[in-house]
Amino acid sequence: MWEYVWCYCFFVQAEDGIRDAQESRGLGDVYKRQDLSDAFVPQAGQTLYIEPKKDKAAAGLNYHTVKAGETMHFISQKYAVRLKSLLEMNRIETGHEPLPGDKIWLRETKPAE
């Protein structure tokens, strides 16, 4: 079962097969758009993007303050920003995660410290 929200994401029900859905609906490589590997297993209710994510967040969304348990991938999904772009804007190396209270820049490059 697919529930379309806005024009660029959908929610996955546990019994759905992503590979079957992307083939039957012509969705292309859904996995690549999530910044995930082919080993990714979607969870029920998880947001997945049909259209490619952007290099920066929508106008007016300048920063995100990290809460406990949030990862760069989570923030990337929340704001539909490519993980690579988010890491570059914030001068963060792949594999490093922010701490609660950190400010993550969503539209501009973080100033050098």
C-alpha atoms as a PDB file:
ATOM      1  CA  MET A   1       0.000   0.000   0.000  1.00  0.00           C
ATOM      2  CA  TRP A   2       1.396   3.411  -0.971  1.00  0.00           C
ATOM      3  CA  GLU A   3       0.325   6.694   0.514  1.00  0.00           C
ATOM      4  CA  TYR A   4       1.501   9.689  -1.491  1.00  0.00           C
ATOM      5  CA  VAL A   5       2.331  12.813   0.491  1.00  0.00           C
ATOM      6  CA  TRP A   6       3.115  16.099  -1.268  1.00  0.00           C
ATOM      7  CA  CYS A   7       4.688  15.292  -4.594  1.00  0.00           C
ATOM      8  CA  TYR A   8       8.030  13.777  -3.692  1.00  0.00           C
ATOM      9  CA  CYS A   9       7.778  11.107  -1.019  1.00  0.00           C
ATOM     10  CA  PHE A  10       5.800   8.042  -0.068  1.00  0.00           C
ATOM     11  CA  PHE A  11       5.392   5.815   2.948  1.00  0.00           C
ATOM     12  CA  VAL A  12       6.193   2.120   2.885  1.00  0.00           C
ATOM     13  CA  GLN A  13       4.060  -0.516   4.510  1.00  0.00           C
ATOM     14  CA  ALA A  14       5.937  -3.509   5.920  1.00  0.00           C
ATOM     15  CA  GLU A  15       4.502  -5.968   3.379  1.00  0.00           C
ATOM     16  CA  ASP A  16       5.475  -3.868   0.362  1.00  0.00           C
ATOM     17  CA  GLY A  17       8.502  -4.700  -1.705  1.00  0.00           C
ATOM     18  CA  ILE A  18      10.453  -1.585  -2.713  1.00  0.00           C
ATOM     19  CA  ARG A  19      12.074  -3.275  -5.693  1.00  0.00           C
ATOM     20  CA  ASP A  20       8.688  -4.490  -6.998  1.00  0.00           C
ATOM     21  CA  ALA A  21       7.117  -1.069  -6.464  1.00  0.00           C
ATOM     22  CA  GLN A  22       9.901   0.874  -8.144  1.00  0.00           C
ATOM     23  CA  GLU A  23       9.741  -1.418 -11.174  1.00  0.00           C
ATOM     24  CA  SER A  24       5.942  -1.415 -11.458  1.00  0.00           C
ATOM     25  CA  ARG A  25       5.662   2.345 -10.950  1.00  0.00           C
ATOM     26  CA  GLY A  26       8.760   3.363 -12.888  1.00  0.00           C
ATOM     27  CA  LEU A  27      10.304   5.018  -9.849  1.00  0.00           C
ATOM     28  CA  GLY A  28      13.926   4.488 -10.823  1.00  0.00           C
ATOM     29  CA  ASP A  29      16.477   3.810  -8.102  1.00  0.00           C
ATOM     30  CA  VAL A  30      14.651   4.639  -4.880  1.00  0.00           C
ATOM     31  CA  TYR A  31      17.601   3.406  -2.807  1.00  0.00           C
ATOM     32  CA  LYS A  32      20.031   5.889  -4.344  1.00  0.00           C
ATOM     33  CA  ARG A  33      17.692   8.777  -3.469  1.00  0.00           C
ATOM     34  CA  GLN A  34      17.778   7.772   0.206  1.00  0.00           C
ATOM     35  CA  ASP A  35      21.604   7.872   0.413  1.00  0.00           C
ATOM     36  CA  LEU A  36      21.433   4.193   1.389  1.00  0.00           C
ATOM     37  CA  SER A  37      22.913   0.916   0.198  1.00  0.00           C
ATOM     38  CA  ASP A  38      21.106  -1.924  -1.557  1.00  0.00           C
ATOM     39  CA  ALA A  39      21.085  -3.742   1.797  1.00  0.00           C
ATOM     40  CA  PHE A  40      18.614  -1.164   3.170  1.00  0.00           C
ATOM     41  CA  VAL A  41      15.353  -2.642   4.479  1.00  0.00           C
ATOM     42  CA  PRO A  42      12.535  -0.068   4.772  1.00  0.00           C
ATOM     43  CA  GLN A  43      10.406   0.119   7.883  1.00  0.00           C
ATOM     44  CA  ALA A  44       6.632   0.620   7.896  1.00  0.00           C
ATOM     45  CA  GLY A  45       5.741   4.309   7.785  1.00  0.00           C
ATOM     46  CA  GLN A  46       9.231   5.384   6.739  1.00  0.00           C
ATOM     47  CA  THR A  47       9.528   8.335   4.340  1.00  0.00           C
ATOM     48  CA  LEU A  48      11.246   7.570   1.056  1.00  0.00           C
ATOM     49  CA  TYR A  49      11.819  10.106  -1.709  1.00  0.00           C
ATOM     50  CA  ILE A  50      10.669   9.522  -5.273  1.00  0.00           C
ATOM     51  CA  GLU A  51      12.322  12.633  -6.692  1.00  0.00           C
ATOM     52  CA  PRO A  52      16.008  13.331  -6.019  1.00  0.00           C
ATOM     53  CA  LYS A  53      16.749  15.227  -2.831  1.00  0.00           C
ATOM     54  CA  LYS A  54      18.085  18.773  -3.088  1.00  0.00           C
ATOM     55  CA  ASP A  55      21.493  20.306  -2.310  1.00  0.00           C
ATOM     56  CA  LYS A  56      19.957  22.554   0.343  1.00  0.00           C
ATOM     57  CA  ALA A  57      16.741  22.791   2.360  1.00  0.00           C
ATOM     58  CA  ALA A  58      13.703  24.810   1.341  1.00  0.00           C
ATOM     59  CA  ALA A  59      13.754  28.573   1.863  1.00  0.00           C
ATOM     60  CA  GLY A  60      13.284  29.544   5.496  1.00  0.00           C
ATOM     61  CA  LEU A  61      14.773  26.307   6.827  1.00  0.00           C
ATOM     62  CA  ASN A  62      18.238  27.582   7.698  1.00  0.00           C
ATOM     63  CA  TYR A  63      19.288  25.450  10.683  1.00  0.00           C
ATOM     64  CA  HIS A  64      18.437  22.313  12.588  1.00  0.00           C
ATOM     65  CA  THR A  65      19.274  21.840  16.265  1.00  0.00           C
ATOM     66  CA  VAL A  66      20.202  18.217  16.846  1.00  0.00           C
ATOM     67  CA  LYS A  67      18.195  16.184  19.359  1.00  0.00           C
ATOM     68  CA  ALA A  68      19.381  13.005  21.090  1.00  0.00           C
ATOM     69  CA  GLY A  69      19.454  10.037  18.714  1.00  0.00           C
ATOM     70  CA  GLU A  70      19.396  12.071  15.493  1.00  0.00           C
ATOM     71  CA  THR A  71      21.940  11.213  12.816  1.00  0.00           C
ATOM     72  CA  MET A  72      23.077  13.115   9.754  1.00  0.00           C
ATOM     73  CA  HIS A  73      21.101  10.641   7.642  1.00  0.00           C
ATOM     74  CA  PHE A  74      17.963  11.325   9.707  1.00  0.00           C
ATOM     75  CA  ILE A  75      18.428  15.091   9.242  1.00  0.00           C
ATOM     76  CA  SER A  76      19.070  14.563   5.532  1.00  0.00           C
ATOM     77  CA  GLN A  77      15.784  12.668   5.184  1.00  0.00           C
ATOM     78  CA  LYS A  78      13.836  15.142   7.322  1.00  0.00           C
ATOM     79  CA  TYR A  79      14.725  18.114   5.124  1.00  0.00           C
ATOM     80  CA  ALA A  80      15.087  16.296   1.761  1.00  0.00           C
ATOM     81  CA  VAL A  81      18.749  17.341   1.473  1.00  0.00           C
ATOM     82  CA  ARG A  82      21.379  15.045  -0.030  1.00  0.00           C
ATOM     83  CA  LEU A  83      23.549  13.599   2.736  1.00  0.00           C
ATOM     84  CA  LYS A  84      26.732  14.483   0.843  1.00  0.00           C
ATOM     85  CA  SER A  85      25.629  18.138   0.571  1.00  0.00           C
ATOM     86  CA  LEU A  86      24.674  18.273   4.251  1.00  0.00           C
ATOM     87  CA  LEU A  87      28.052  16.892   5.285  1.00  0.00           C
ATOM     88  CA  GLU A  88      29.901  19.361   3.046  1.00  0.00           C
ATOM     89  CA  MET A  89      27.885  22.385   4.235  1.00  0.00           C
ATOM     90  CA  ASN A  90      28.645  21.508   7.850  1.00  0.00           C
ATOM     91  CA  ARG A  91      32.307  20.550   7.337  1.00  0.00           C
ATOM     92  CA  ILE A  92      31.621  17.052   8.709  1.00  0.00           C
ATOM     93  CA  GLU A  93      33.446  13.955   7.507  1.00  0.00           C
ATOM     94  CA  THR A  94      31.502  10.869   6.455  1.00  0.00           C
ATOM     95  CA  GLY A  95      30.861   8.656   9.465  1.00  0.00           C
ATOM     96  CA  HIS A  96      30.905  11.449  12.043  1.00  0.00           C
ATOM     97  CA  GLU A  97      27.637  12.247  13.788  1.00  0.00           C
ATOM     98  CA  PRO A  98      26.507  15.451  15.508  1.00  0.00           C
ATOM     99  CA  LEU A  99      25.899  15.759  19.221  1.00  0.00           C
ATOM    100  CA  PRO A 100      22.626  16.868  20.817  1.00  0.00           C
ATOM    101  CA  GLY A 101      22.481  20.662  20.727  1.00  0.00           C
ATOM    102  CA  ASP A 102      24.724  20.995  17.655  1.00  0.00           C
ATOM    103  CA  LYS A 103      23.486  23.410  14.988  1.00  0.00           C
ATOM    104  CA  ILE A 104      23.320  21.848  11.519  1.00  0.00           C
ATOM    105  CA  TRP A 105      23.301  24.299   8.625  1.00  0.00           C
ATOM    106  CA  LEU A 106      20.710  23.440   5.980  1.00  0.00           C
ATOM    107  CA  ARG A 107      21.116  26.134   3.289  1.00  0.00           C
ATOM    108  CA  GLU A 108      24.597  27.659   3.565  1.00  0.00           C
ATOM    109  CA  THR A 109      28.107  26.509   4.426  1.00  0.00           C
ATOM    110  CA  LYS A 110      28.887  26.652   8.121  1.00  0.00           C
ATOM    111  CA  PRO A 111      31.400  29.441   8.787  1.00  0.00           C
ATOM    112  CA  ALA A 112      34.924  28.307   9.589  1.00  0.00           C
ATOM    113  CA  GLU A 113      35.647  28.240  13.306  1.00  0.00           C
END
